[in-house]
Protein backbone atom coordinates (compact mmCIF):
# COMPACT_ATOMS: atom_id res chain seq x y z
CA MET A 1 -3.88 20.06 -65.89
CA ARG A 2 -6.73 17.98 -67.28
CA ASN A 3 -4.64 14.77 -67.12
CA SER A 4 -3.75 15.28 -63.46
CA LEU A 5 -7.44 15.80 -62.55
CA ALA A 6 -8.41 12.65 -64.43
CA ARG A 7 -5.66 10.69 -62.65
CA ARG A 8 -6.82 11.96 -59.27
CA ALA A 9 -10.42 11.04 -60.06
CA TRP A 10 -9.38 7.50 -61.05
CA LEU A 11 -7.26 7.17 -57.91
CA VAL A 12 -10.13 8.27 -55.68
CA LEU A 13 -12.48 5.88 -57.48
CA LEU A 14 -10.07 2.93 -57.11
CA LEU A 15 -9.47 3.63 -53.41
CA SER A 16 -13.20 3.93 -52.76
CA MET A 17 -13.90 0.64 -54.52
CA SER A 18 -11.15 -1.08 -52.51
CA VAL A 19 -12.64 0.11 -49.21
CA VAL A 20 -16.12 -1.03 -50.23
CA CYS A 21 -14.82 -4.45 -51.31
CA ILE A 22 -12.87 -5.04 -48.09
CA THR A 23 -15.78 -3.91 -45.93
CA GLY A 24 -18.16 -6.15 -47.87
CA CYS A 25 -15.94 -9.21 -47.39
CA VAL A 26 -15.71 -8.68 -43.62
CA THR A 27 -19.46 -8.09 -43.35
CA ARG A 28 -20.26 -11.24 -45.34
CA GLN A 29 -18.07 -13.38 -43.08
CA LYS A 30 -19.80 -12.02 -39.95
CA GLU A 31 -23.22 -12.68 -41.46
CA ARG A 32 -22.15 -16.17 -42.49
CA TRP A 33 -21.04 -17.20 -39.00
CA ASN A 34 -23.94 -15.45 -37.26
CA GLN A 35 -26.40 -17.41 -39.45
CA ARG A 36 -24.74 -20.70 -38.49
CA ILE A 37 -25.21 -20.28 -34.72
CA GLY A 38 -27.39 -23.07 -33.34
CA GLN A 39 -27.30 -25.08 -36.58
CA TYR A 40 -23.66 -25.65 -37.55
CA THR A 41 -22.04 -28.70 -35.92
CA TYR A 42 -18.46 -29.53 -35.00
CA ASP A 43 -18.47 -32.38 -37.53
CA GLN A 44 -19.51 -29.96 -40.30
CA ALA A 45 -16.68 -27.61 -39.29
CA VAL A 46 -14.10 -30.41 -39.48
CA LYS A 47 -15.48 -31.55 -42.82
CA GLU A 48 -15.34 -27.99 -44.22
CA MET A 49 -12.05 -26.73 -42.72
CA GLY A 50 -10.17 -29.87 -41.67
CA PRO A 51 -9.07 -30.70 -38.12
CA PRO A 52 -8.66 -27.68 -35.84
CA GLU A 53 -5.24 -26.35 -34.92
CA ARG A 54 -6.24 -26.27 -31.22
CA LYS A 55 -9.09 -27.90 -29.39
CA GLU A 56 -10.12 -28.11 -25.73
CA THR A 57 -13.22 -28.79 -23.66
CA THR A 58 -13.99 -26.42 -20.78
CA SER A 59 -15.33 -27.45 -17.36
CA ASP A 60 -18.89 -26.60 -18.44
CA ASN A 61 -18.58 -29.01 -21.42
CA ILE A 62 -18.06 -26.33 -24.11
CA LEU A 63 -15.79 -27.43 -26.97
CA VAL A 64 -13.51 -24.58 -28.08
CA ALA A 65 -11.81 -25.20 -31.43
CA GLU A 66 -9.50 -22.91 -33.42
CA TRP A 67 -8.58 -22.85 -37.07
CA ILE A 68 -5.75 -20.64 -38.32
CA LEU A 69 -6.95 -18.23 -41.02
CA ARG A 70 -3.61 -16.43 -41.52
CA ARG A 71 -0.20 -17.29 -40.13
CA VAL A 72 2.34 -14.73 -38.89
CA GLN A 73 4.10 -13.09 -41.81
CA THR A 74 7.45 -11.37 -41.28
CA TYR A 75 8.91 -9.01 -43.85
CA GLY A 76 11.67 -6.46 -44.11
CA VAL A 77 11.47 -2.88 -45.32
CA PRO A 78 14.59 -0.88 -46.19
CA SER A 79 15.11 1.82 -43.59
CA PRO A 80 16.03 5.34 -44.63
CA GLY A 81 19.33 6.92 -43.72
CA TRP A 82 22.95 6.91 -44.73
CA GLY A 83 26.35 7.45 -43.24
CA MET A 84 30.01 7.96 -44.07
CA GLY A 85 33.18 7.17 -42.20
CA TRP A 86 36.43 5.27 -42.03
CA GLY A 87 36.04 1.60 -42.75
CA TRP A 88 38.19 -1.48 -42.65
CA ARG A 89 41.89 -0.92 -43.38
CA GLY A 90 41.48 2.83 -43.16
CA ARG A 91 39.30 3.19 -46.24
CA TRP A 92 36.79 5.97 -46.53
CA GLY A 93 33.27 4.86 -47.42
CA GLY A 94 29.55 5.39 -47.15
CA GLY A 95 26.39 3.36 -47.06
CA TRP A 96 22.64 3.27 -46.69
CA GLY A 97 20.55 2.26 -43.68
CA GLY A 98 19.61 -1.27 -42.76
CA THR A 99 16.30 -3.09 -42.80
CA ASP A 100 13.31 -2.65 -40.49
CA ILE A 101 11.61 -5.95 -39.65
CA HIS A 102 7.79 -6.03 -39.36
CA SER A 103 5.31 -8.83 -38.63
CA THR A 104 1.59 -9.30 -39.20
CA PRO A 105 -0.41 -11.02 -36.44
CA GLU A 106 -1.71 -14.56 -36.65
CA VAL A 107 -5.48 -14.63 -37.20
CA ALA A 108 -7.48 -17.59 -35.85
CA LEU A 109 -11.17 -18.46 -36.10
CA GLN A 110 -12.39 -19.64 -32.70
CA LEU A 111 -15.66 -21.60 -32.62
CA HIS A 112 -17.47 -22.53 -29.39
CA PHE A 113 -19.68 -25.62 -29.55
CA GLY A 114 -22.18 -26.57 -26.84
CA PRO A 115 -22.63 -30.03 -25.30
CA ASP A 116 -24.80 -30.95 -28.31
CA LYS A 117 -21.79 -30.06 -30.57
CA ARG A 118 -23.68 -27.17 -32.18
CA LEU A 119 -22.12 -23.73 -32.69
CA GLN A 120 -22.89 -21.31 -29.84
CA THR A 121 -20.51 -18.41 -30.49
CA TRP A 122 -17.57 -17.53 -32.71
CA LYS A 123 -14.84 -14.89 -32.88
CA GLU A 124 -11.64 -14.04 -34.67
CA VAL A 125 -8.56 -13.95 -32.46
CA LEU A 126 -5.36 -11.98 -33.20
CA ARG A 127 -2.07 -13.13 -31.73
């Protein structure tokens, strides 16, 4: 009994720490980009992150540049289920289910630079 309570306490502690860590990382990134508005230039972005994946200039002379933070990831997960029946050449057999295919979205960092090539706004885009 005592061991199971200790295990549960450790599990709750580990899960809580994971949530705090993930939340902290997201918050730090938002603060970082918000602090750069008006000061960070396109040239600094290229120097720091390399050339953008996509780049275009709008009709009002705003440069929109995107850098890929995470590419699409596709993975398979075994699906539950099983079946039995007559197979090839009249043989009796059984088997398990197939594979479910899942994908994570692509995440891009989109930076908007004004005519003076300074950062005006930013956002993360999911595709």
